[in-house]
Amino acid sequence: MGKTSGRVIQRGADPLGSFTWMALRGRKETGILVINGYRVCQKAGTKAGPDTAYSQIWTKQRAQGEKRPDPIGIRY
């Protein structure tokens, strides 16, 4: 664990892992919100390996009932 581990107030992520966030306690009662976003770079129809983020998100979308999964076009 690093120096920030004791400052974490809350943290979370979306179900597909495209966004994560962490709220940290700063000095003198200030807060810091860190947001991380990830978007896959492969296009539909390209050959994506089974361990790529594209394939992982595609599989999760299919499991959620999406008939035409689109890891790049995720809408929130």
N, C-alpha and C. Protein backbone atom coordinates (compact mmCIF):
# COMPACT_ATOMS: atom_id res chain seq x y z
N MET A 1 0.84 -1.18 0.00
CA MET A 1 0.00 0.00 0.00
C MET A 1 0.88 1.24 0.00
N GLY A 2 0.45 2.23 -0.75
CA GLY A 2 1.21 3.46 -0.84
C GLY A 2 0.76 4.50 0.19
N LYS A 3 1.30 5.70 0.05
CA LYS A 3 1.00 6.78 0.99
C LYS A 3 -0.44 7.25 0.90
N THR A 4 -1.10 7.01 -0.23
CA THR A 4 -2.48 7.47 -0.38
C THR A 4 -3.51 6.51 0.18
N SER A 5 -3.16 5.29 0.50
CA SER A 5 -4.15 4.30 0.92
C SER A 5 -4.94 4.74 2.14
N GLY A 6 -4.34 5.45 3.07
CA GLY A 6 -5.04 5.92 4.27
C GLY A 6 -5.94 7.11 4.01
N ARG A 7 -5.84 7.71 2.82
CA ARG A 7 -6.63 8.88 2.48
C ARG A 7 -7.88 8.55 1.67
N VAL A 8 -8.05 7.32 1.27
CA VAL A 8 -9.19 6.94 0.44
C VAL A 8 -10.47 6.99 1.27
N ILE A 9 -11.45 7.77 0.81
CA ILE A 9 -12.73 7.89 1.47
C ILE A 9 -13.74 6.94 0.81
N GLN A 10 -13.78 6.99 -0.53
CA GLN A 10 -14.67 6.13 -1.30
C GLN A 10 -13.98 5.81 -2.63
N ARG A 11 -14.46 4.75 -3.26
CA ARG A 11 -13.96 4.42 -4.59
C ARG A 11 -15.01 3.59 -5.30
N GLY A 12 -14.92 3.55 -6.62
CA GLY A 12 -15.91 2.78 -7.37
C GLY A 12 -15.52 2.64 -8.83
N ALA A 13 -16.35 1.91 -9.55
CA ALA A 13 -16.12 1.67 -10.97
C ALA A 13 -17.44 1.33 -11.62
N ASP A 14 -17.52 1.54 -12.93
CA ASP A 14 -18.72 1.13 -13.65
C ASP A 14 -18.64 -0.37 -13.91
N PRO A 15 -19.76 -1.01 -14.24
CA PRO A 15 -19.77 -2.47 -14.41
C PRO A 15 -18.83 -3.00 -15.48
N LEU A 16 -18.54 -2.20 -16.50
CA LEU A 16 -17.68 -2.67 -17.59
C LEU A 16 -16.21 -2.31 -17.37
N GLY A 17 -15.91 -1.57 -16.33
CA GLY A 17 -14.52 -1.24 -16.04
C GLY A 17 -13.96 -0.12 -16.88
N SER A 18 -14.81 0.65 -17.54
CA SER A 18 -14.33 1.74 -18.38
C SER A 18 -14.00 2.98 -17.57
N PHE A 19 -14.65 3.15 -16.44
CA PHE A 19 -14.41 4.30 -15.58
C PHE A 19 -14.18 3.84 -14.15
N THR A 20 -13.23 4.45 -13.50
CA THR A 20 -13.03 4.23 -12.07
C THR A 20 -12.90 5.60 -11.41
N TRP A 21 -13.18 5.66 -10.15
CA TRP A 21 -13.03 6.92 -9.42
C TRP A 21 -12.62 6.64 -7.99
N MET A 22 -12.02 7.65 -7.38
CA MET A 22 -11.56 7.53 -6.00
C MET A 22 -11.63 8.91 -5.35
N ALA A 23 -12.27 8.99 -4.20
CA ALA A 23 -12.33 10.22 -3.43
C ALA A 23 -11.29 10.13 -2.32
N LEU A 24 -10.42 11.14 -2.25
CA LEU A 24 -9.34 11.15 -1.26
C LEU A 24 -9.53 12.31 -0.29
N ARG A 25 -9.11 12.10 0.93
CA ARG A 25 -9.11 13.15 1.94
C ARG A 25 -7.82 13.94 1.78
N GLY A 26 -7.96 15.23 1.56
CA GLY A 26 -6.79 16.08 1.40
C GLY A 26 -6.42 16.76 2.70
N ARG A 27 -5.54 17.72 2.61
CA ARG A 27 -5.14 18.49 3.80
C ARG A 27 -6.19 19.52 4.16
N LYS A 28 -6.28 19.83 5.43
CA LYS A 28 -7.18 20.87 5.93
C LYS A 28 -8.61 20.70 5.43
N GLU A 29 -9.12 19.48 5.51
CA GLU A 29 -10.49 19.14 5.17
C GLU A 29 -10.84 19.39 3.71
N THR A 30 -9.87 19.36 2.84
CA THR A 30 -10.15 19.45 1.41
C THR A 30 -10.30 18.04 0.85
N GLY A 31 -10.94 17.95 -0.28
CA GLY A 31 -11.13 16.65 -0.90
C GLY A 31 -10.55 16.63 -2.31
N ILE A 32 -10.18 15.46 -2.75
CA ILE A 32 -9.63 15.28 -4.09
C ILE A 32 -10.42 14.14 -4.75
N LEU A 33 -10.91 14.37 -5.95
CA LEU A 33 -11.63 13.35 -6.69
C LEU A 33 -10.80 12.99 -7.92
N VAL A 34 -10.41 11.73 -8.02
CA VAL A 34 -9.62 11.24 -9.14
C VAL A 34 -10.52 10.36 -9.99
N ILE A 35 -10.65 10.70 -11.27
CA ILE A 35 -11.48 9.94 -12.20
C ILE A 35 -10.59 9.42 -13.32
N ASN A 36 -10.72 8.14 -13.62
CA ASN A 36 -9.94 7.51 -14.69
C ASN A 36 -10.91 6.92 -15.70
N GLY A 37 -10.70 7.22 -16.97
CA GLY A 37 -11.55 6.67 -18.02
C GLY A 37 -10.70 5.93 -19.04
N TYR A 38 -11.26 4.87 -19.58
CA TYR A 38 -10.54 4.08 -20.59
C TYR A 38 -11.50 3.76 -21.73
N ARG A 39 -11.03 3.96 -22.94
CA ARG A 39 -11.82 3.63 -24.12
C ARG A 39 -10.96 2.74 -25.01
N VAL A 40 -11.53 1.62 -25.42
CA VAL A 40 -10.76 0.71 -26.26
C VAL A 40 -10.49 1.37 -27.61
N CYS A 41 -9.41 0.97 -28.25
CA CYS A 41 -9.02 1.61 -29.50
C CYS A 41 -9.30 0.77 -30.73
N GLN A 42 -9.68 -0.47 -30.55
CA GLN A 42 -9.95 -1.32 -31.71
C GLN A 42 -11.31 -1.01 -32.32
N LYS A 43 -11.42 -1.24 -33.60
CA LYS A 43 -12.68 -1.01 -34.30
C LYS A 43 -13.42 -2.32 -34.47
N ALA A 44 -14.73 -2.24 -34.61
CA ALA A 44 -15.54 -3.42 -34.85
C ALA A 44 -15.06 -4.11 -36.12
N GLY A 45 -15.00 -5.41 -36.08
CA GLY A 45 -14.57 -6.18 -37.24
C GLY A 45 -13.10 -6.51 -37.27
N THR A 46 -12.32 -5.90 -36.40
CA THR A 46 -10.90 -6.23 -36.35
C THR A 46 -10.71 -7.48 -35.51
N LYS A 47 -9.61 -8.13 -35.71
CA LYS A 47 -9.33 -9.35 -34.94
C LYS A 47 -8.71 -8.97 -33.60
N ALA A 48 -9.50 -9.09 -32.57
CA ALA A 48 -9.03 -8.77 -31.22
C ALA A 48 -8.75 -10.08 -30.49
N GLY A 49 -7.62 -10.15 -29.86
CA GLY A 49 -7.27 -11.35 -29.10
C GLY A 49 -8.20 -11.52 -27.91
N PRO A 50 -8.27 -12.71 -27.34
CA PRO A 50 -9.20 -12.99 -26.24
C PRO A 50 -8.88 -12.24 -24.95
N ASP A 51 -7.65 -11.77 -24.81
CA ASP A 51 -7.27 -11.08 -23.57
C ASP A 51 -7.26 -9.57 -23.72
N THR A 52 -7.74 -9.05 -24.84
CA THR A 52 -7.75 -7.60 -25.04
C THR A 52 -8.95 -6.98 -24.33
N ALA A 53 -8.86 -5.69 -24.04
CA ALA A 53 -9.96 -4.98 -23.40
C ALA A 53 -11.20 -5.01 -24.30
N TYR A 54 -11.01 -4.92 -25.60
CA TYR A 54 -12.13 -4.96 -26.54
C TYR A 54 -12.93 -6.25 -26.37
N SER A 55 -12.23 -7.38 -26.37
CA SER A 55 -12.91 -8.68 -26.24
C SER A 55 -13.57 -8.84 -24.87
N GLN A 56 -12.92 -8.36 -23.84
CA GLN A 56 -13.48 -8.48 -22.49
C GLN A 56 -14.77 -7.68 -22.36
N ILE A 57 -14.78 -6.44 -22.87
CA ILE A 57 -15.98 -5.61 -22.79
C ILE A 57 -17.07 -6.17 -23.70
N TRP A 58 -16.70 -6.65 -24.88
CA TRP A 58 -17.66 -7.26 -25.80
C TRP A 58 -18.37 -8.43 -25.12
N THR A 59 -17.59 -9.27 -24.44
CA THR A 59 -18.15 -10.43 -23.75
C THR A 59 -19.10 -10.00 -22.63
N LYS A 60 -18.72 -8.97 -21.86
CA LYS A 60 -19.59 -8.48 -20.79
C LYS A 60 -20.88 -7.90 -21.35
N GLN A 61 -20.79 -7.19 -22.47
CA GLN A 61 -22.00 -6.62 -23.07
C GLN A 61 -22.93 -7.73 -23.57
N ARG A 62 -22.38 -8.79 -24.15
CA ARG A 62 -23.20 -9.92 -24.60
C ARG A 62 -23.89 -10.57 -23.40
N ALA A 63 -23.16 -10.72 -22.29
CA ALA A 63 -23.73 -11.33 -21.09
C ALA A 63 -24.87 -10.47 -20.51
N GLN A 64 -24.81 -9.16 -20.77
CA GLN A 64 -25.86 -8.25 -20.29
C GLN A 64 -27.06 -8.21 -21.24
N GLY A 65 -26.99 -8.98 -22.32
CA GLY A 65 -28.12 -9.06 -23.23
C GLY A 65 -28.03 -8.19 -24.47
N GLU A 66 -26.92 -7.52 -24.68
CA GLU A 66 -26.75 -6.70 -25.88
C GLU A 66 -26.73 -7.60 -27.11
N LYS A 67 -27.57 -7.29 -28.09
CA LYS A 67 -27.59 -8.09 -29.32
C LYS A 67 -26.44 -7.73 -30.26
N ARG A 68 -26.04 -6.47 -30.23
CA ARG A 68 -24.93 -6.02 -31.07
C ARG A 68 -23.93 -5.26 -30.19
N PRO A 69 -23.08 -5.96 -29.47
CA PRO A 69 -22.12 -5.30 -28.57
C PRO A 69 -21.22 -4.32 -29.32
N ASP A 70 -20.94 -3.19 -28.68
CA ASP A 70 -20.06 -2.18 -29.27
C ASP A 70 -19.20 -1.57 -28.16
N PRO A 71 -18.05 -2.16 -27.86
CA PRO A 71 -17.20 -1.66 -26.78
C PRO A 71 -16.76 -0.20 -26.97
N ILE A 72 -16.67 0.27 -28.19
CA ILE A 72 -16.23 1.65 -28.42
C ILE A 72 -17.38 2.62 -28.18
N GLY A 73 -18.59 2.22 -28.52
CA GLY A 73 -19.75 3.11 -28.42
C GLY A 73 -20.50 3.01 -27.11
N ILE A 74 -19.82 2.74 -26.01
CA ILE A 74 -20.49 2.63 -24.70
C ILE A 74 -21.14 3.98 -24.36
N ARG A 75 -22.40 3.94 -23.97
CA ARG A 75 -23.13 5.12 -23.57
C ARG A 75 -23.55 4.99 -22.12
N TYR A 76 -23.38 6.06 -21.36
CA TYR A 76 -23.76 6.06 -19.95
C TYR A 76 -24.82 7.09 -19.70
